[in-house]
Amino acid sequence: MTEQHNTSHKQHPWIEERAKSGPHLTHRVHTGLNGRIAIFITRKFGNMWTFYILALWMFGWMGLSTAGIWLFKRDPYPFNFLLFLSNLVQLFALPILAVGQQVLSKSSDKQAEQTYRDAEAILHLQDEMSRLVKINKTLTEEIHMMLKERQPAQATGGNSAAIPPAN
């Protein structure tokens, strides 16, 4: 061989750190009691079933009020009491949902950072693989050159074992 090749592999530091910490999960983030409440309300309130319930409540109220049924007849069109109650829901839900979104956003940022570091480690491994493939190619070419040099000597030396040509 004409030169010495370094085939040792140095593991990317993130791989060991990632193995210790595991994947980043939202429920592992320290958010305190208020943050956990905000996340719980955001997840429960911020879905389609809540929308369906609120829409059913609104249309049901308007239908019952228009029909003049039970206590709803006291809130005729334009449904002032219904609008008051709807505004209360919005006033209470807005800050809670904003805090929940902020906490979830921080968690999402940590997940994005973890994904970035994972990609960085994968690219490092790809670079290592590319380096090893180049070393392998160089060594293969050296072996083929050595075999070509020996082939004429074997033809005259009487050894009948054929050596396949290098590609």
Protein backbone atom coordinates (compact mmCIF):
# COMPACT_ATOMS: atom_id res chain seq x y z
CA MET A 1 0.00 0.00 0.00
CA THR A 2 1.26 3.43 -0.82
CA GLU A 3 -0.27 5.36 2.08
CA GLN A 4 -1.83 4.76 5.48
CA HIS A 5 -5.57 5.49 5.70
CA ASN A 6 -7.30 6.60 8.87
CA THR A 7 -10.40 4.43 9.17
CA SER A 8 -11.22 5.24 12.78
CA HIS A 9 -14.65 6.68 13.41
CA LYS A 10 -15.34 9.51 15.83
CA GLN A 11 -18.95 9.52 16.93
CA HIS A 12 -20.84 12.81 16.65
CA PRO A 13 -21.25 14.27 20.18
CA TRP A 14 -25.01 14.80 19.72
CA ILE A 15 -25.63 11.07 19.29
CA GLU A 16 -24.49 10.29 22.84
CA GLU A 17 -26.36 13.29 24.27
CA ARG A 18 -29.51 12.29 22.36
CA ALA A 19 -29.28 8.74 23.70
CA LYS A 20 -29.25 10.09 27.26
CA SER A 21 -32.06 12.63 26.86
CA GLY A 22 -34.36 10.75 24.49
CA PRO A 23 -36.92 12.51 22.33
CA HIS A 24 -38.27 15.87 23.40
CA LEU A 25 -41.88 15.55 24.50
CA THR A 26 -44.21 18.38 25.48
CA HIS A 27 -45.38 16.71 28.68
CA ARG A 28 -41.77 16.56 29.95
CA VAL A 29 -41.32 20.32 29.78
CA HIS A 30 -41.43 22.01 33.18
CA THR A 31 -44.30 24.47 32.80
CA GLY A 32 -45.63 24.73 36.33
CA LEU A 33 -49.24 24.38 37.36
CA ASN A 34 -50.47 27.38 35.36
CA GLY A 35 -48.73 26.18 32.21
CA ARG A 36 -50.19 22.68 32.57
CA ILE A 37 -53.68 24.13 33.05
CA ALA A 38 -53.23 26.38 30.03
CA ILE A 39 -52.01 23.46 27.89
CA PHE A 40 -54.93 21.29 29.05
CA ILE A 41 -57.51 23.99 28.24
CA THR A 42 -55.83 24.82 24.92
CA ARG A 43 -55.89 21.18 23.84
CA LYS A 44 -59.49 20.64 24.98
CA PHE A 45 -60.90 23.99 23.87
CA GLY A 46 -58.95 24.25 20.62
CA ASN A 47 -60.56 21.37 18.74
CA MET A 48 -63.50 20.83 16.38
CA TRP A 49 -65.72 19.20 19.01
CA THR A 50 -65.66 22.40 21.04
CA PHE A 51 -66.62 24.33 17.91
CA TYR A 52 -69.52 21.94 17.28
CA ILE A 53 -70.73 22.32 20.88
CA LEU A 54 -70.53 26.12 20.73
CA ALA A 55 -72.25 26.24 17.32
CA LEU A 56 -75.01 23.92 18.58
CA TRP A 57 -75.39 26.08 21.68
CA MET A 58 -75.66 29.29 19.61
CA PHE A 59 -78.08 27.93 17.01
CA GLY A 60 -80.07 26.10 19.66
CA TRP A 61 -80.39 29.27 21.74
CA MET A 62 -81.46 31.31 18.71
CA GLY A 63 -83.97 28.66 17.62
CA LEU A 64 -85.50 28.27 21.07
CA SER A 65 -85.63 32.05 21.54
CA THR A 66 -87.26 32.63 18.15
CA ALA A 67 -89.80 29.91 18.89
CA GLY A 68 -90.46 31.50 22.31
CA ILE A 69 -89.78 28.35 24.29
CA TRP A 70 -89.20 28.36 28.07
CA LEU A 71 -86.76 30.98 29.43
CA PHE A 72 -85.28 31.63 26.00
CA LYS A 73 -88.30 33.78 25.07
CA ARG A 74 -86.87 36.48 27.40
CA ASP A 75 -83.95 36.97 24.97
CA PRO A 76 -85.61 37.97 21.68
CA TYR A 77 -83.75 38.89 18.49
CA PRO A 78 -80.93 40.27 18.42
CA PHE A 79 -80.24 37.89 21.35
CA ASN A 80 -78.51 40.37 23.65
CA PHE A 81 -78.01 37.93 26.53
CA LEU A 82 -76.60 35.26 24.17
CA LEU A 83 -74.12 37.83 22.81
CA PHE A 84 -73.18 38.79 26.39
CA LEU A 85 -72.52 35.14 27.31
CA SER A 86 -70.55 34.58 24.09
CA ASN A 87 -68.38 37.61 24.87
CA LEU A 88 -67.70 36.26 28.35
CA VAL A 89 -66.52 32.95 26.88
CA GLN A 90 -64.24 34.83 24.48
CA LEU A 91 -62.87 37.11 27.21
CA PHE A 92 -61.98 34.18 29.44
CA ALA A 93 -60.75 31.88 26.68
CA LEU A 94 -58.50 34.35 24.87
CA PRO A 95 -55.80 34.76 27.56
CA ILE A 96 -55.84 31.08 28.49
CA LEU A 97 -55.49 30.01 24.85
CA ALA A 98 -52.72 32.57 24.30
CA VAL A 99 -50.72 31.23 27.27
CA GLY A 100 -51.32 27.64 26.14
CA GLN A 101 -50.12 28.46 22.62
CA GLN A 102 -47.03 30.17 24.03
CA VAL A 103 -46.11 27.15 26.15
CA LEU A 104 -46.74 24.76 23.25
CA SER A 105 -44.70 27.02 20.95
CA LYS A 106 -41.70 26.84 23.29
CA SER A 107 -41.99 23.07 23.30
CA SER A 108 -42.22 23.06 19.51
CA ASP A 109 -39.06 25.17 19.33
CA LYS A 110 -37.20 22.61 21.44
CA GLN A 111 -38.42 19.84 19.14
CA ALA A 112 -37.22 21.81 16.10
CA GLU A 113 -33.79 22.28 17.70
CA GLN A 114 -33.61 18.56 18.43
CA THR A 115 -34.55 17.75 14.84
CA TYR A 116 -31.86 20.13 13.60
CA ARG A 117 -29.23 18.44 15.76
CA ASP A 118 -30.40 15.02 14.56
CA ALA A 119 -30.02 16.16 10.95
CA GLU A 120 -26.58 17.56 11.74
CA ALA A 121 -25.50 14.20 13.18
CA ILE A 122 -26.89 12.37 10.14
CA LEU A 123 -24.96 14.69 7.81
CA HIS A 124 -21.82 14.01 9.85
CA LEU A 125 -22.38 10.28 9.44
CA GLN A 126 -22.95 10.75 5.72
CA ASP A 127 -19.62 12.60 5.47
CA GLU A 128 -17.93 9.73 7.30
CA MET A 129 -19.53 7.22 4.93
CA SER A 130 -18.37 9.25 1.93
CA ARG A 131 -14.82 9.38 3.32
CA LEU A 132 -14.82 5.61 3.88
CA VAL A 133 -16.14 4.96 0.37
CA LYS A 134 -13.28 7.06 -1.05
CA ILE A 135 -10.76 5.11 1.04
CA ASN A 136 -12.35 1.86 -0.14
CA LYS A 137 -12.14 2.99 -3.76
CA THR A 138 -8.47 3.99 -3.37
CA LEU A 139 -7.59 0.67 -1.73
CA THR A 140 -9.49 -1.27 -4.38
CA GLU A 141 -7.60 0.56 -7.14
CA GLU A 142 -4.28 -0.17 -5.39
CA ILE A 143 -5.18 -3.86 -5.13
CA HIS A 144 -6.08 -4.00 -8.81
CA MET A 145 -2.81 -2.27 -9.73
CA MET A 146 -0.87 -4.81 -7.68
CA LEU A 147 -2.75 -7.66 -9.34
CA LYS A 148 -2.01 -6.27 -12.81
CA GLU A 149 1.68 -6.05 -11.95
CA ARG A 150 1.69 -9.70 -10.83
CA GLN A 151 -0.31 -11.02 -13.76
CA PRO A 152 2.51 -10.99 -16.38
CA ALA A 153 4.88 -12.57 -13.88
CA GLN A 154 2.41 -15.37 -13.22
CA ALA A 155 2.00 -16.04 -16.94
CA THR A 156 5.73 -16.66 -17.25
CA GLY A 157 6.07 -18.32 -13.84
CA GLY A 158 3.76 -21.20 -14.71
CA ASN A 159 0.92 -20.48 -12.30
CA SER A 160 -2.27 -21.25 -14.20
CA ALA A 161 -4.66 -19.56 -11.74
CA ALA A 162 -6.32 -16.74 -13.64
CA ILE A 163 -6.79 -13.41 -11.94
CA PRO A 164 -9.84 -11.51 -13.07
CA PRO A 165 -9.11 -8.14 -14.70
CA ALA A 166 -9.80 -4.95 -12.72
CA ASN A 167 -12.80 -2.88 -13.73
